[in-house]
């Protein structure tokens, strides 16, 4: 299953933003180990925005992130934030599952 990983990214410091991104990547690594294909919208958006001269970086970040998450079969929501909630709402609008933990994903796999 292709599973998006969402959680807070924005923070007051670069150090906290990196911690937030690391948390998403660590969860994605666990999903990969379980046989899933993990995707993180921020991993697609950040490198592009570092080179782009655009007036609204938040809108562009969300446009890229939502395009990535739109390709997913489910979402792992680590914690809520305005951006993560937009990703969650996109998945829910498609009638797809939103998981709050890797244990929920493991349990769902056992049922199928």
Protein backbone atom coordinates (compact mmCIF):
# COMPACT_ATOMS: atom_id res chain seq x y z
CA UNK A 1 0.00 0.00 0.00
CA UNK A 2 1.20 3.55 -0.70
CA UNK A 3 0.92 5.41 2.60
CA UNK A 4 1.46 9.12 3.02
CA UNK A 5 3.05 10.32 6.24
CA UNK A 6 1.82 13.64 7.62
CA UNK A 7 2.62 15.65 10.68
CA UNK A 8 3.69 19.09 11.76
CA UNK A 9 6.64 20.60 9.92
CA UNK A 10 6.47 24.33 10.59
CA UNK A 11 8.19 25.53 13.74
CA UNK A 12 9.92 28.57 15.17
CA UNK A 13 13.43 27.19 14.66
CA UNK A 14 15.26 25.33 11.93
CA UNK A 15 16.24 22.75 14.54
CA UNK A 16 12.60 22.02 15.41
CA UNK A 17 11.63 21.84 11.73
CA UNK A 18 14.38 19.27 11.21
CA UNK A 19 13.16 17.26 14.21
CA UNK A 20 9.64 17.33 12.79
CA UNK A 21 10.86 16.17 9.38
CA UNK A 22 13.02 13.48 10.99
CA UNK A 23 9.96 12.17 12.85
CA UNK A 24 8.08 11.82 9.56
CA UNK A 25 11.05 10.11 7.89
CA UNK A 26 11.50 7.68 10.80
CA UNK A 27 7.83 6.69 10.56
CA UNK A 28 8.21 6.32 6.79
CA UNK A 29 11.21 4.05 7.30
CA UNK A 30 9.13 1.79 9.56
CA UNK A 31 6.39 1.66 6.92
CA UNK A 32 8.97 0.68 4.31
CA UNK A 33 10.22 -2.09 6.60
CA UNK A 34 6.62 -3.35 6.81
CA UNK A 35 6.45 -3.58 3.02
CA UNK A 36 4.60 -0.34 2.25
CA UNK A 37 5.64 2.52 -0.01
CA UNK A 38 5.81 5.67 2.15
CA UNK A 39 5.50 9.18 0.72
CA UNK A 40 6.04 12.49 2.49
CA UNK A 41 4.83 15.65 0.80
CA UNK A 42 7.41 17.83 2.54
CA UNK A 43 10.23 15.72 1.12
CA UNK A 44 9.01 16.63 -2.34
CA UNK A 45 8.30 20.29 -1.57
CA UNK A 46 11.35 21.40 0.41
CA UNK A 47 14.06 20.86 -2.26
CA UNK A 48 11.96 22.58 -4.92
CA UNK A 49 11.13 25.57 -2.75
CA UNK A 50 14.80 26.04 -1.83
CA UNK A 51 15.37 27.00 -5.48
CA UNK A 52 12.07 28.69 -6.32
CA UNK A 53 11.33 32.38 -6.18
CA UNK A 54 7.62 32.33 -5.41
CA UNK A 55 5.56 34.84 -3.44
CA UNK A 56 3.58 32.36 -1.33
CA UNK A 57 5.82 29.53 -0.19
CA UNK A 58 3.15 28.02 2.09
CA UNK A 59 0.67 27.70 -0.81
CA UNK A 60 3.33 26.16 -3.03
CA UNK A 61 4.39 23.80 -0.25
CA UNK A 62 0.82 22.64 0.20
CA UNK A 63 0.20 22.33 -3.56
CA UNK A 64 3.17 19.96 -3.86
CA UNK A 65 2.39 18.09 -0.64
CA UNK A 66 -1.25 17.57 -1.56
CA UNK A 67 -0.28 16.33 -5.04
CA UNK A 68 1.99 13.74 -3.42
CA UNK A 69 -0.61 12.69 -0.85
CA UNK A 70 -3.26 12.44 -3.58
CA UNK A 71 -1.32 9.45 -4.97
CA UNK A 72 -1.61 7.56 -1.66
CA UNK A 73 -3.92 4.73 -0.61
CA UNK A 74 -3.91 5.82 3.04
CA UNK A 75 -2.36 8.33 5.41
CA UNK A 76 -0.42 7.99 8.64
CA UNK A 77 -1.18 11.15 10.64
CA UNK A 78 1.51 11.53 13.30
CA UNK A 79 0.02 14.71 14.78
CA UNK A 80 -2.28 17.47 13.65
CA UNK A 81 -1.18 20.76 12.13
CA UNK A 82 -2.85 23.00 9.55
CA UNK A 83 -0.96 21.34 6.67
CA UNK A 84 -1.25 17.79 8.00
CA UNK A 85 -4.97 18.34 8.49
CA UNK A 86 -5.32 19.38 4.83
CA UNK A 87 -3.59 16.14 3.82
CA UNK A 88 -5.87 14.18 6.18
CA UNK A 89 -8.97 15.85 4.77
CA UNK A 90 -7.90 15.01 1.20
CA UNK A 91 -7.51 11.31 2.05
CA UNK A 92 -10.80 11.23 3.98
CA UNK A 93 -12.62 12.94 1.08
CA UNK A 94 -11.48 10.08 -1.14
CA UNK A 95 -12.92 7.55 1.34
CA UNK A 96 -9.47 6.22 2.22
CA UNK A 97 -8.18 5.34 5.69
CA UNK A 98 -6.30 7.66 8.01
CA UNK A 99 -4.21 5.89 10.62
CA UNK A 100 -2.90 7.50 13.81
CA UNK A 101 -0.17 4.96 14.51
CA UNK A 102 1.86 2.27 12.85
CA UNK A 103 0.20 -0.23 15.19
CA UNK A 104 -3.16 0.65 13.60
CA UNK A 105 -1.68 -0.10 10.17
CA UNK A 106 -0.30 -3.44 11.39
CA UNK A 107 -3.70 -4.34 12.87
CA UNK A 108 -5.50 -3.38 9.66
CA UNK A 109 -3.11 -5.54 7.64
CA UNK A 110 -3.91 -8.53 9.86
CA UNK A 111 -7.61 -8.08 9.13
CA UNK A 112 -7.16 -8.06 5.36
